[in-house]
Amino acid sequence: MANSDTASNLILPRLVLDTNVVMDLFHFNAPPLAPLMAAIESGAVICLANDRTLTELARVTGYPQFKLDDAGRHRLYEAYRSRITLTGYAVPQGAPKLPKCRDPDDQMFLELALVSNANMLISRDNLVLKLAKARNRPCPFAILTPEQALQRLRDLHQP
């Protein structure tokens, strides 16, 4: 069941996963990301998505290289959907200006992280990761690889 977006959850790390990371976790079951999957499944983090990012996931799961039939695509989508908190996607007026990603399909993940008050946007996309160093429009959230995010999560739980 998805986490509810209540005040008590605001102390948990709030994550936005780009589609590549979702596929690593939910399709490939990437062993190096097992601790991230465990954090998601245990509710130790809040994963955030919106209709736009879910539509992207549904589209990507249809790519032939993933070799998913309709039932497999549905299982993957529902497994992810059951572990996320669904949010809106309208960037409020007066919100900080975000850097522009060269790939317009990736901008939605930056916007989602902004409007949902995410702590981290986790990506493997080099164009997105370059934005972590944007000086003219720094993001109010960290942009990290999955490995960097895992280290940050470990650091948060150190006494």
C-alpha atoms as a PDB file:
ATOM      1  CA  MET A   1       0.000   0.000   0.000  1.00  0.00           C
ATOM      2  CA  ALA A   2       1.292   3.492  -0.824  1.00  0.00           C
ATOM      3  CA  ASN A   3       2.380   5.779   1.959  1.00  0.00           C
ATOM      4  CA  SER A   4      -0.026   8.562   2.869  1.00  0.00           C
ATOM      5  CA  ASP A   5       1.301  12.089   2.625  1.00  0.00           C
ATOM      6  CA  THR A   6       0.852  13.111   6.259  1.00  0.00           C
ATOM      7  CA  ALA A   7       2.843  15.402   8.507  1.00  0.00           C
ATOM      8  CA  SER A   8       4.331  12.405  10.307  1.00  0.00           C
ATOM      9  CA  ASN A   9       5.852  11.204   7.026  1.00  0.00           C
ATOM     10  CA  LEU A  10       7.653  14.473   6.382  1.00  0.00           C
ATOM     11  CA  ILE A  11      10.602  13.343   8.501  1.00  0.00           C
ATOM     12  CA  LEU A  12      11.205  10.377   6.202  1.00  0.00           C
ATOM     13  CA  PRO A  13      13.453  10.914   3.183  1.00  0.00           C
ATOM     14  CA  ARG A  14      11.342  11.852   0.169  1.00  0.00           C
ATOM     15  CA  LEU A  15      12.610  10.370  -3.087  1.00  0.00           C
ATOM     16  CA  VAL A  16      11.841  10.801  -6.754  1.00  0.00           C
ATOM     17  CA  LEU A  17      13.105   7.923  -8.907  1.00  0.00           C
ATOM     18  CA  ASP A  18      13.574   8.426 -12.611  1.00  0.00           C
ATOM     19  CA  THR A  19      12.293   5.706 -14.920  1.00  0.00           C
ATOM     20  CA  ASN A  20      15.712   4.070 -15.358  1.00  0.00           C
ATOM     21  CA  VAL A  21      16.013   3.598 -11.603  1.00  0.00           C
ATOM     22  CA  VAL A  22      12.455   2.246 -11.371  1.00  0.00           C
ATOM     23  CA  MET A  23      13.335  -0.305 -14.058  1.00  0.00           C
ATOM     24  CA  ASP A  24      16.561  -1.228 -12.236  1.00  0.00           C
ATOM     25  CA  LEU A  25      14.571  -1.856  -9.062  1.00  0.00           C
ATOM     26  CA  PHE A  26      11.320  -3.373 -10.302  1.00  0.00           C
ATOM     27  CA  HIS A  27      12.317  -5.142 -13.520  1.00  0.00           C
ATOM     28  CA  PHE A  28      15.980  -6.040 -13.219  1.00  0.00           C
ATOM     29  CA  ASN A  29      16.013  -6.439  -9.416  1.00  0.00           C
ATOM     30  CA  ALA A  30      19.533  -4.977  -9.523  1.00  0.00           C
ATOM     31  CA  PRO A  31      21.428  -6.538  -6.580  1.00  0.00           C
ATOM     32  CA  PRO A  32      23.441  -3.370  -5.799  1.00  0.00           C
ATOM     33  CA  LEU A  33      20.140  -1.548  -5.271  1.00  0.00           C
ATOM     34  CA  ALA A  34      18.658  -4.142  -2.913  1.00  0.00           C
ATOM     35  CA  PRO A  35      19.100  -1.806   0.102  1.00  0.00           C
ATOM     36  CA  LEU A  36      17.141   0.891  -1.710  1.00  0.00           C
ATOM     37  CA  MET A  37      14.358  -1.574  -2.505  1.00  0.00           C
ATOM     38  CA  ALA A  38      14.363  -2.685   1.131  1.00  0.00           C
ATOM     39  CA  ALA A  39      14.011   0.945   2.259  1.00  0.00           C
ATOM     40  CA  ILE A  40      11.099   1.427  -0.144  1.00  0.00           C
ATOM     41  CA  GLU A  41       9.351  -1.792   0.895  1.00  0.00           C
ATOM     42  CA  SER A  42       9.796  -1.121   4.609  1.00  0.00           C
ATOM     43  CA  GLY A  43       8.450   2.421   4.377  1.00  0.00           C
ATOM     44  CA  ALA A  44      11.770   3.913   5.529  1.00  0.00           C
ATOM     45  CA  VAL A  45      11.544   6.315   2.587  1.00  0.00           C
ATOM     46  CA  ILE A  46       8.692   7.907   0.694  1.00  0.00           C
ATOM     47  CA  CYS A  47       8.777   7.429  -3.081  1.00  0.00           C
ATOM     48  CA  LEU A  48       6.968  10.121  -4.991  1.00  0.00           C
ATOM     49  CA  ALA A  49       5.409   9.999  -8.440  1.00  0.00           C
ATOM     50  CA  ASN A  50       2.683  11.722 -10.388  1.00  0.00           C
ATOM     51  CA  ASP A  51       0.490  10.918 -13.372  1.00  0.00           C
ATOM     52  CA  ARG A  52       3.134  12.154 -15.809  1.00  0.00           C
ATOM     53  CA  THR A  53       5.933   9.989 -14.428  1.00  0.00           C
ATOM     54  CA  LEU A  54       3.612   6.974 -14.228  1.00  0.00           C
ATOM     55  CA  THR A  55       2.613   7.501 -17.863  1.00  0.00           C
ATOM     56  CA  GLU A  56       6.301   7.554 -18.783  1.00  0.00           C
ATOM     57  CA  LEU A  57       6.851   4.286 -16.890  1.00  0.00           C
ATOM     58  CA  ALA A  58       3.904   2.648 -18.654  1.00  0.00           C
ATOM     59  CA  ARG A  59       5.342   3.734 -22.018  1.00  0.00           C
ATOM     60  CA  VAL A  60       8.893   2.584 -21.252  1.00  0.00           C
ATOM     61  CA  THR A  61       7.804  -0.851 -20.045  1.00  0.00           C
ATOM     62  CA  GLY A  62       6.518  -1.430 -23.569  1.00  0.00           C
ATOM     63  CA  TYR A  63       9.986  -1.096 -25.141  1.00  0.00           C
ATOM     64  CA  PRO A  64      10.920  -4.366 -26.845  1.00  0.00           C
ATOM     65  CA  GLN A  65      14.322  -4.595 -25.111  1.00  0.00           C
ATOM     66  CA  PHE A  66      12.579  -5.225 -21.789  1.00  0.00           C
ATOM     67  CA  LYS A  67      10.725  -8.254 -23.192  1.00  0.00           C
ATOM     68  CA  LEU A  68       7.661  -7.667 -21.036  1.00  0.00           C
ATOM     69  CA  ASP A  69       4.294  -8.964 -22.144  1.00  0.00           C
ATOM     70  CA  ASP A  70       1.126  -7.130 -21.098  1.00  0.00           C
ATOM     71  CA  ALA A  71       0.854  -9.118 -17.866  1.00  0.00           C
ATOM     72  CA  GLY A  72       4.493  -8.437 -16.966  1.00  0.00           C
ATOM     73  CA  ARG A  73       4.111  -4.736 -17.721  1.00  0.00           C
ATOM     74  CA  HIS A  74       1.010  -4.633 -15.522  1.00  0.00           C
ATOM     75  CA  ARG A  75       2.747  -6.460 -12.637  1.00  0.00           C
ATOM     76  CA  LEU A  76       5.746  -4.114 -12.745  1.00  0.00           C
ATOM     77  CA  TYR A  77       3.560  -1.010 -12.943  1.00  0.00           C
ATOM     78  CA  GLU A  78       1.322  -2.140 -10.081  1.00  0.00           C
ATOM     79  CA  ALA A  79       4.278  -3.193  -7.910  1.00  0.00           C
ATOM     80  CA  TYR A  80       5.738   0.298  -8.288  1.00  0.00           C
ATOM     81  CA  ARG A  81       2.381   2.046  -8.005  1.00  0.00           C
ATOM     82  CA  SER A  82       1.655   0.285  -4.708  1.00  0.00           C
ATOM     83  CA  ARG A  83       4.859   1.678  -3.200  1.00  0.00           C
ATOM     84  CA  ILE A  84       4.598   5.337  -4.149  1.00  0.00           C
ATOM     85  CA  THR A  85       2.867   8.420  -2.881  1.00  0.00           C
ATOM     86  CA  LEU A  86       1.015  10.072  -5.726  1.00  0.00           C
ATOM     87  CA  THR A  87       1.377  13.853  -5.888  1.00  0.00           C
ATOM     88  CA  GLY A  88       0.356  16.684  -8.165  1.00  0.00           C
ATOM     89  CA  TYR A  89       2.615  18.236 -10.747  1.00  0.00           C
ATOM     90  CA  ALA A  90       1.743  21.914 -11.039  1.00  0.00           C
ATOM     91  CA  VAL A  91       4.764  24.037 -10.132  1.00  0.00           C
ATOM     92  CA  PRO A  92       3.424  26.752  -7.828  1.00  0.00           C
ATOM     93  CA  GLN A  93       3.893  30.379  -8.718  1.00  0.00           C
ATOM     94  CA  GLY A  94       6.925  31.801  -6.926  1.00  0.00           C
ATOM     95  CA  ALA A  95       8.660  28.405  -6.681  1.00  0.00           C
ATOM     96  CA  PRO A  96      12.428  28.439  -7.201  1.00  0.00           C
ATOM     97  CA  LYS A  97      13.457  28.310 -10.854  1.00  0.00           C
ATOM     98  CA  LEU A  98      14.843  24.934 -11.795  1.00  0.00           C
ATOM     99  CA  PRO A  99      17.696  24.326 -14.191  1.00  0.00           C
ATOM    100  CA  LYS A 100      16.527  23.183 -17.617  1.00  0.00           C
ATOM    101  CA  CYS A 101      17.379  19.651 -18.621  1.00  0.00           C
ATOM    102  CA  ARG A 102      18.486  19.254 -22.225  1.00  0.00           C
ATOM    103  CA  ASP A 103      16.075  16.325 -22.546  1.00  0.00           C
ATOM    104  CA  PRO A 104      12.557  17.736 -22.053  1.00  0.00           C
ATOM    105  CA  ASP A 105      11.292  14.267 -21.046  1.00  0.00           C
ATOM    106  CA  ASP A 106      13.458  14.479 -17.914  1.00  0.00           C
ATOM    107  CA  GLN A 107      12.245  17.915 -16.799  1.00  0.00           C
ATOM    108  CA  MET A 108       9.127  16.334 -15.290  1.00  0.00           C
ATOM    109  CA  PHE A 109      11.271  14.552 -12.687  1.00  0.00           C
ATOM    110  CA  LEU A 110      12.861  17.837 -11.602  1.00  0.00           C
ATOM    111  CA  GLU A 111       9.435  19.447 -11.379  1.00  0.00           C
ATOM    112  CA  LEU A 112       8.050  16.513  -9.408  1.00  0.00           C
ATOM    113  CA  ALA A 113      10.933  16.709  -6.942  1.00  0.00           C
ATOM    114  CA  LEU A 114      10.293  20.434  -6.517  1.00  0.00           C
ATOM    115  CA  VAL A 115       6.517  20.340  -6.038  1.00  0.00           C
ATOM    116  CA  SER A 116       6.624  17.313  -3.750  1.00  0.00           C
ATOM    117  CA  ASN A 117       9.398  18.668  -1.510  1.00  0.00           C
ATOM    118  CA  ALA A 118      11.657  15.730  -2.307  1.00  0.00           C
ATOM    119  CA  ASN A 119      15.043  15.464  -0.637  1.00  0.00           C
ATOM    120  CA  MET A 120      16.540  13.495  -3.513  1.00  0.00           C
ATOM    121  CA  LEU A 121      16.030  12.928  -7.215  1.00  0.00           C
ATOM    122  CA  ILE A 122      17.692   9.603  -8.002  1.00  0.00           C
ATOM    123  CA  SER A 123      18.784   9.121 -11.589  1.00  0.00           C
ATOM    124  CA  ARG A 124      21.228   7.325 -13.849  1.00  0.00           C
ATOM    125  CA  ASP A 125      20.692   9.835 -16.672  1.00  0.00           C
ATOM    126  CA  ASN A 126      23.868  11.837 -17.327  1.00  0.00           C
ATOM    127  CA  LEU A 127      21.921  14.894 -18.488  1.00  0.00           C
ATOM    128  CA  VAL A 128      19.978  14.921 -15.226  1.00  0.00           C
ATOM    129  CA  LEU A 129      23.057  14.223 -13.102  1.00  0.00           C
ATOM    130  CA  LYS A 130      24.874  17.189 -14.691  1.00  0.00           C
ATOM    131  CA  LEU A 131      22.203  19.448 -13.221  1.00  0.00           C
ATOM    132  CA  ALA A 132      23.433  18.596  -9.728  1.00  0.00           C
ATOM    133  CA  LYS A 133      26.258  21.020 -10.459  1.00  0.00           C
ATOM    134  CA  ALA A 134      24.070  23.826 -11.827  1.00  0.00           C
ATOM    135  CA  ARG A 135      25.269  27.001 -10.178  1.00  0.00           C
ATOM    136  CA  ASN A 136      22.971  29.527 -11.821  1.00  0.00           C
ATOM    137  CA  ARG A 137      19.830  27.663 -10.735  1.00  0.00           C
ATOM    138  CA  PRO A 138      20.696  25.241  -7.949  1.00  0.00           C
ATOM    139  CA  CYS A 139      18.002  22.723  -7.075  1.00  0.00           C
ATOM    140  CA  PRO A 140      16.469  22.692  -3.592  1.00  0.00           C
ATOM    141  CA  PHE A 141      16.958  18.898  -3.587  1.00  0.00           C
ATOM    142  CA  ALA A 142      19.925  16.622  -4.193  1.00  0.00           C
ATOM    143  CA  ILE A 143      20.346  14.974  -7.592  1.00  0.00           C
ATOM    144  CA  LEU A 144      22.135  11.685  -6.997  1.00  0.00           C
ATOM    145  CA  THR A 145      23.001   8.378  -8.581  1.00  0.00           C
ATOM    146  CA  PRO A 146      21.422   5.382  -6.828  1.00  0.00           C
ATOM    147  CA  GLU A 147      24.776   4.599  -5.224  1.00  0.00           C
ATOM    148  CA  GLN A 148      25.131   8.154  -3.898  1.00  0.00           C
ATOM    149  CA  ALA A 149      21.565   8.048  -2.609  1.00  0.00           C
ATOM    150  CA  LEU A 150      22.220   4.789  -0.784  1.00  0.00           C
ATOM    151  CA  GLN A 151      25.256   6.341   0.886  1.00  0.00           C
ATOM    152  CA  ARG A 152      23.218   9.384   1.890  1.00  0.00           C
ATOM    153  CA  LEU A 153      20.500   7.143   3.341  1.00  0.00           C
ATOM    154  CA  ARG A 154      23.138   5.165   5.279  1.00  0.00           C
ATOM    155  CA  ASP A 155      24.588   8.447   6.583  1.00  0.00           C
ATOM    156  CA  LEU A 156      21.132   9.536   7.785  1.00  0.00           C
ATOM    157  CA  HIS A 157      20.848   6.405   9.912  1.00  0.00           C
ATOM    158  CA  GLN A 158      24.295   6.680  11.505  1.00  0.00           C
ATOM    159  CA  PRO A 159      24.202   7.654  15.207  1.00  0.00           C
END
